[in-house]
């Protein structure tokens, strides 16, 4: 699932995820949680809410550190929340992990952050190569969350990993793209999975505050909008033996009453 934005996003996940998992026969659920606390950052409370709603593993991005309380939480729960793997090595938390099902099947997950129009962290294209090799020793099924601004950088990561991982999904822009496909090498790909949050907004925030900044360069603190809330993401079917993506389907479900 795409970036979970504030209270509306949490409500959408709690209300809609159980039915979606049942309908699609979902084994493992991943969600990007970096905007789950009031639209910027993750708190222990929002992390626990998503995990209790049926999410197996949380990924994140550039807002990971916005709430300081998440630092001791992720240190205590390194297998539940990932930070980008190309952050400095002494950064709390981990950038990759494995979700294992009771029957022994496993999904490796790698979280990366891009560098175009963002901070100058280590090169994600170089960092990911060693992580893929490490995870493939445990499972052929690997998902990569490429959290970045530029569509070109997300597309390039898909091409870079095609045939070596099962899925590459883009996050961060909060706008779901309509280009889901299986790449030539067998990797399922989408430029951006969208967000779980209010569409009557500017990428989840109240429109009036964003417009004030664009029209008059005024500093208007952002607040999460509340209307037209959707859960957005993708459902991917992976071949357990080869790790190749078999299908990828976009999900966009309205939360009734919003």
Protein backbone atom coordinates (compact mmCIF):
# COMPACT_ATOMS: atom_id res chain seq x y z
CA UNK A 1 0.00 0.00 0.00
CA UNK A 2 1.14 3.52 -0.79
CA UNK A 3 2.07 6.20 1.74
CA UNK A 4 -0.43 6.13 4.62
CA UNK A 5 -1.33 9.78 5.29
CA UNK A 6 -2.48 10.74 8.78
CA UNK A 7 -5.65 9.68 10.56
CA UNK A 8 -7.73 9.29 7.35
CA UNK A 9 -5.14 6.91 5.91
CA UNK A 10 -5.08 4.87 9.09
CA UNK A 11 -8.89 4.67 9.06
CA UNK A 12 -8.87 3.48 5.45
CA UNK A 13 -6.37 0.72 6.19
CA UNK A 14 -8.24 -0.46 9.29
CA UNK A 15 -11.60 -0.50 7.54
CA UNK A 16 -10.68 -1.77 4.07
CA UNK A 17 -7.62 -3.98 4.38
CA UNK A 18 -9.30 -7.09 5.90
CA UNK A 19 -11.78 -7.36 3.03
CA UNK A 20 -9.11 -6.74 0.42
CA UNK A 21 -6.89 -9.44 1.87
CA UNK A 22 -9.76 -11.90 1.82
CA UNK A 23 -10.88 -10.98 -1.70
CA UNK A 24 -7.43 -11.26 -3.24
CA UNK A 25 -6.08 -14.08 -1.08
CA UNK A 26 -3.21 -11.90 0.14
CA UNK A 27 -0.40 -13.66 2.02
CA UNK A 28 1.80 -10.69 2.95
CA UNK A 29 0.96 -6.98 3.25
CA UNK A 30 3.51 -4.15 3.09
CA UNK A 31 2.67 -0.48 3.70
CA UNK A 32 4.72 2.71 3.54
CA UNK A 33 4.10 4.43 6.88
CA UNK A 34 6.28 7.53 6.66
CA UNK A 35 3.33 9.97 6.65
CA UNK A 36 1.12 8.11 9.09
CA UNK A 37 1.50 10.52 12.03
CA UNK A 38 -0.30 13.78 11.15
CA UNK A 39 0.99 13.66 7.59
CA UNK A 40 4.74 13.68 8.33
CA UNK A 41 6.58 10.97 10.23
CA UNK A 42 5.80 7.77 12.09
CA UNK A 43 4.95 7.39 15.76
CA UNK A 44 4.89 4.20 17.81
CA UNK A 45 1.09 4.56 17.93
CA UNK A 46 0.64 4.78 14.15
CA UNK A 47 3.08 1.92 13.57
CA UNK A 48 1.20 -0.27 16.05
CA UNK A 49 -2.14 0.69 14.45
CA UNK A 50 -1.01 -0.44 11.00
CA UNK A 51 0.51 -3.66 12.27
CA UNK A 52 -2.62 -4.51 14.25
CA UNK A 53 -4.71 -3.87 11.12
CA UNK A 54 -2.95 -6.72 9.32
CA UNK A 55 0.19 -5.13 7.83
CA UNK A 56 3.22 -7.43 8.12
CA UNK A 57 6.01 -4.93 7.51
CA UNK A 58 6.28 -1.13 7.28
CA UNK A 59 8.56 0.80 4.95
CA UNK A 60 9.37 4.51 5.10
CA UNK A 61 11.31 7.37 3.51
CA UNK A 62 12.50 10.93 3.97
CA UNK A 63 10.05 11.68 6.83
CA UNK A 64 11.22 8.71 8.89
CA UNK A 65 12.84 10.90 11.59
CA UNK A 66 10.12 13.53 11.89
CA UNK A 67 8.86 11.99 15.14
CA UNK A 68 11.73 11.28 17.56
CA UNK A 69 9.73 8.69 19.49
CA UNK A 70 10.07 6.28 16.56
CA UNK A 71 13.83 5.88 17.17
CA UNK A 72 13.61 3.71 20.31
CA UNK A 73 10.57 1.93 18.81
CA UNK A 74 12.39 0.88 15.62
CA UNK A 75 15.42 -0.14 17.66
CA UNK A 76 13.16 -2.45 19.65
CA UNK A 77 11.24 -3.68 16.56
CA UNK A 78 13.80 -3.86 13.72
CA UNK A 79 11.83 -6.55 11.92
CA UNK A 80 8.63 -4.46 11.73
CA UNK A 81 9.75 -1.09 10.28
CA UNK A 82 12.40 -0.39 7.66
CA UNK A 83 14.23 2.86 6.93
CA UNK A 84 15.98 3.46 3.58
CA UNK A 85 18.94 1.11 3.20
CA UNK A 86 21.14 3.79 1.65
CA UNK A 87 21.17 5.91 4.83
CA UNK A 88 24.47 6.03 6.79
CA UNK A 89 25.37 2.66 8.31
CA UNK A 90 25.15 3.86 11.91
CA UNK A 91 21.57 5.07 11.43
CA UNK A 92 19.09 3.31 13.78
CA UNK A 93 17.00 0.62 12.18
CA UNK A 94 17.55 -1.55 9.13
CA UNK A 95 17.03 -1.06 5.42
CA UNK A 96 16.01 -4.60 4.52
CA UNK A 97 14.23 -7.52 6.10
CA UNK A 98 12.38 -10.78 5.52
CA UNK A 99 8.75 -11.66 6.22
CA UNK A 100 8.32 -15.42 6.70
CA UNK A 101 4.97 -17.20 6.51
CA UNK A 102 4.05 -20.18 8.72
CA UNK A 103 4.48 -22.52 5.72
CA UNK A 104 8.08 -21.37 5.23
CA UNK A 105 7.58 -19.13 2.20
CA UNK A 106 9.33 -15.80 2.58
CA UNK A 107 9.42 -12.33 1.05
CA UNK A 108 12.54 -10.20 1.23
CA UNK A 109 11.91 -6.44 1.37
CA UNK A 110 14.35 -3.62 0.58
CA UNK A 111 13.62 0.06 1.30
CA UNK A 112 15.52 2.68 -0.72
CA UNK A 113 15.44 6.47 -1.02
CA UNK A 114 16.20 8.28 -4.26
CA UNK A 115 18.56 11.22 -4.72
CA UNK A 116 17.00 13.29 -7.54
CA UNK A 117 15.46 16.43 -5.91
CA UNK A 118 16.12 14.79 -2.52
CA UNK A 119 18.97 14.47 -0.04
CA UNK A 120 22.37 13.16 -1.15
CA UNK A 121 22.48 9.77 0.52
CA UNK A 122 24.52 6.81 -0.74
CA UNK A 123 23.78 5.72 -4.29
CA UNK A 124 20.71 3.44 -4.07
CA UNK A 125 21.63 1.76 -7.36
CA UNK A 126 24.90 0.57 -5.85
CA UNK A 127 23.61 -0.19 -2.35
CA UNK A 128 20.78 -2.39 -3.59
CA UNK A 129 23.02 -4.82 -5.46
CA UNK A 130 24.62 -6.35 -2.36
CA UNK A 131 21.26 -6.47 -0.56
CA UNK A 132 19.65 -8.38 -3.42
CA UNK A 133 22.44 -10.96 -3.33
CA UNK A 134 22.08 -11.30 0.44
CA UNK A 135 18.30 -11.78 0.30
CA UNK A 136 18.38 -14.18 -2.65
CA UNK A 137 20.37 -16.55 -0.46
CA UNK A 138 17.23 -16.78 1.70
CA UNK A 139 14.37 -16.37 -0.79
CA UNK A 140 13.87 -15.75 -4.53
CA UNK A 141 10.92 -13.45 -3.74
CA UNK A 142 12.00 -9.83 -3.16
CA UNK A 143 10.09 -6.54 -3.10
CA UNK A 144 11.79 -3.13 -3.38
CA UNK A 145 10.16 0.12 -2.20
CA UNK A 146 11.86 2.91 -4.19
CA UNK A 147 10.91 6.07 -2.30
CA UNK A 148 11.77 9.07 -4.45
CA UNK A 149 10.55 12.19 -6.21
CA UNK A 150 11.47 11.61 -9.86
CA UNK A 151 9.53 9.17 -12.02
CA UNK A 152 12.69 8.68 -14.08
CA UNK A 153 14.63 7.46 -11.05
CA UNK A 154 11.89 4.98 -10.16
CA UNK A 155 11.75 3.70 -13.75
CA UNK A 156 15.53 3.40 -13.81
CA UNK A 157 15.49 1.30 -10.64
CA UNK A 158 12.91 -0.99 -12.24
CA UNK A 159 15.18 -1.47 -15.25
CA UNK A 160 18.22 -1.90 -13.00
CA UNK A 161 16.60 -4.73 -11.01
CA UNK A 162 14.50 -6.35 -13.72
CA UNK A 163 14.95 -10.10 -13.51
CA UNK A 164 16.72 -9.91 -10.14
CA UNK A 165 13.79 -9.06 -7.86
CA UNK A 166 10.09 -9.85 -7.92
CA UNK A 167 8.62 -6.38 -7.47
CA UNK A 168 9.74 -2.74 -7.66
CA UNK A 169 7.17 -0.22 -6.44
CA UNK A 170 7.60 3.54 -6.28
CA UNK A 171 6.36 5.60 -3.34
CA UNK A 172 6.59 9.23 -2.13
CA UNK A 173 4.64 11.28 -4.68
CA UNK A 174 1.21 10.19 -3.34
CA UNK A 175 -0.19 10.09 -6.90
CA UNK A 176 -1.01 6.62 -8.21
CA UNK A 177 0.28 5.96 -11.71
CA UNK A 178 -1.43 3.80 -14.33
CA UNK A 179 1.66 2.02 -15.69
CA UNK A 180 1.63 -1.24 -13.72
CA UNK A 181 3.22 -4.04 -15.76
CA UNK A 182 5.55 -7.04 -15.78
CA UNK A 183 8.95 -5.95 -17.09
CA UNK A 184 10.76 -8.12 -19.71
CA UNK A 185 12.84 -9.92 -17.10
CA UNK A 186 9.85 -10.86 -14.96
CA UNK A 187 9.80 -8.05 -12.38
CA UNK A 188 6.42 -6.51 -11.50
CA UNK A 189 6.65 -2.71 -11.60
CA UNK A 190 4.64 0.47 -11.01
CA UNK A 191 6.07 4.00 -10.90
CA UNK A 192 4.01 5.00 -7.85
CA UNK A 193 1.44 3.03 -5.87
CA UNK A 194 -0.29 6.22 -4.66
CA UNK A 195 -1.39 6.90 -1.10
CA UNK A 196 -3.84 5.78 1.53
CA UNK A 197 -5.45 9.10 2.36
CA UNK A 198 -7.73 11.95 1.19
CA UNK A 199 -7.82 12.66 -2.54
CA UNK A 200 -9.72 15.96 -2.08
CA UNK A 201 -6.42 17.56 -1.18
CA UNK A 202 -2.97 18.44 -2.45
CA UNK A 203 -1.16 15.10 -2.00
CA UNK A 204 -3.03 14.55 1.25
CA UNK A 205 -2.80 18.04 2.74
CA UNK A 206 -5.57 20.68 2.92
CA UNK A 207 -5.80 22.52 -0.39
CA UNK A 208 -6.06 26.01 1.12
CA UNK A 209 -2.70 25.71 2.86
CA UNK A 210 -0.91 24.49 -0.22
CA UNK A 211 -2.47 27.22 -2.34
CA UNK A 212 -1.38 29.88 0.17
CA UNK A 213 2.21 28.78 -0.34
CA UNK A 214 1.98 28.65 -4.11
CA UNK A 215 0.12 31.94 -4.50
CA UNK A 216 1.80 34.12 -1.93
CA UNK A 217 4.83 32.27 -0.64
CA UNK A 218 3.14 32.34 2.78
CA UNK A 219 4.15 29.85 5.41
CA UNK A 220 0.97 27.95 6.21
CA UNK A 221 1.43 24.87 8.41
CA UNK A 222 0.19 21.77 6.66
CA UNK A 223 -2.79 19.81 7.99
CA UNK A 224 -4.10 16.51 6.69
CA UNK A 225 -7.31 16.82 4.64
CA UNK A 226 -10.29 14.58 5.38
CA UNK A 227 -12.52 14.19 2.33
CA UNK A 228 -12.63 11.49 -0.36
CA UNK A 229 -10.39 9.01 1.42
CA UNK A 230 -9.01 6.09 -0.59
CA UNK A 231 -6.80 3.08 0.00
CA UNK A 232 -4.38 2.74 -2.92
CA UNK A 233 -1.78 0.13 -3.72
CA UNK A 234 -1.12 -2.97 -5.79
CA UNK A 235 -1.71 -6.69 -5.48
CA UNK A 236 1.15 -8.74 -6.91
CA UNK A 237 1.23 -12.48 -7.56
CA UNK A 238 4.75 -13.93 -7.35
CA UNK A 239 5.89 -17.38 -8.46
CA UNK A 240 7.22 -18.96 -5.26
CA UNK A 241 9.90 -21.05 -6.97
CA UNK A 242 11.41 -18.54 -9.40
CA UNK A 243 10.53 -15.25 -7.70
CA UNK A 244 9.20 -13.87 -11.00
CA UNK A 245 6.20 -11.58 -10.95
CA UNK A 246 3.17 -13.27 -12.50
CA UNK A 247 0.71 -10.37 -12.32
CA UNK A 248 0.29 -6.90 -10.84
CA UNK A 249 -3.09 -5.24 -10.26
CA UNK A 250 -3.75 -1.68 -9.13
CA UNK A 251 -6.02 -1.24 -6.08
CA UNK A 252 -8.05 1.94 -5.46
CA UNK A 253 -10.88 1.60 -2.94
CA UNK A 254 -13.01 4.41 -1.50
CA UNK A 255 -13.64 4.60 2.25
CA UNK A 256 -17.44 4.98 2.59
CA UNK A 257 -18.65 8.12 4.34
CA UNK A 258 -15.75 10.31 3.24
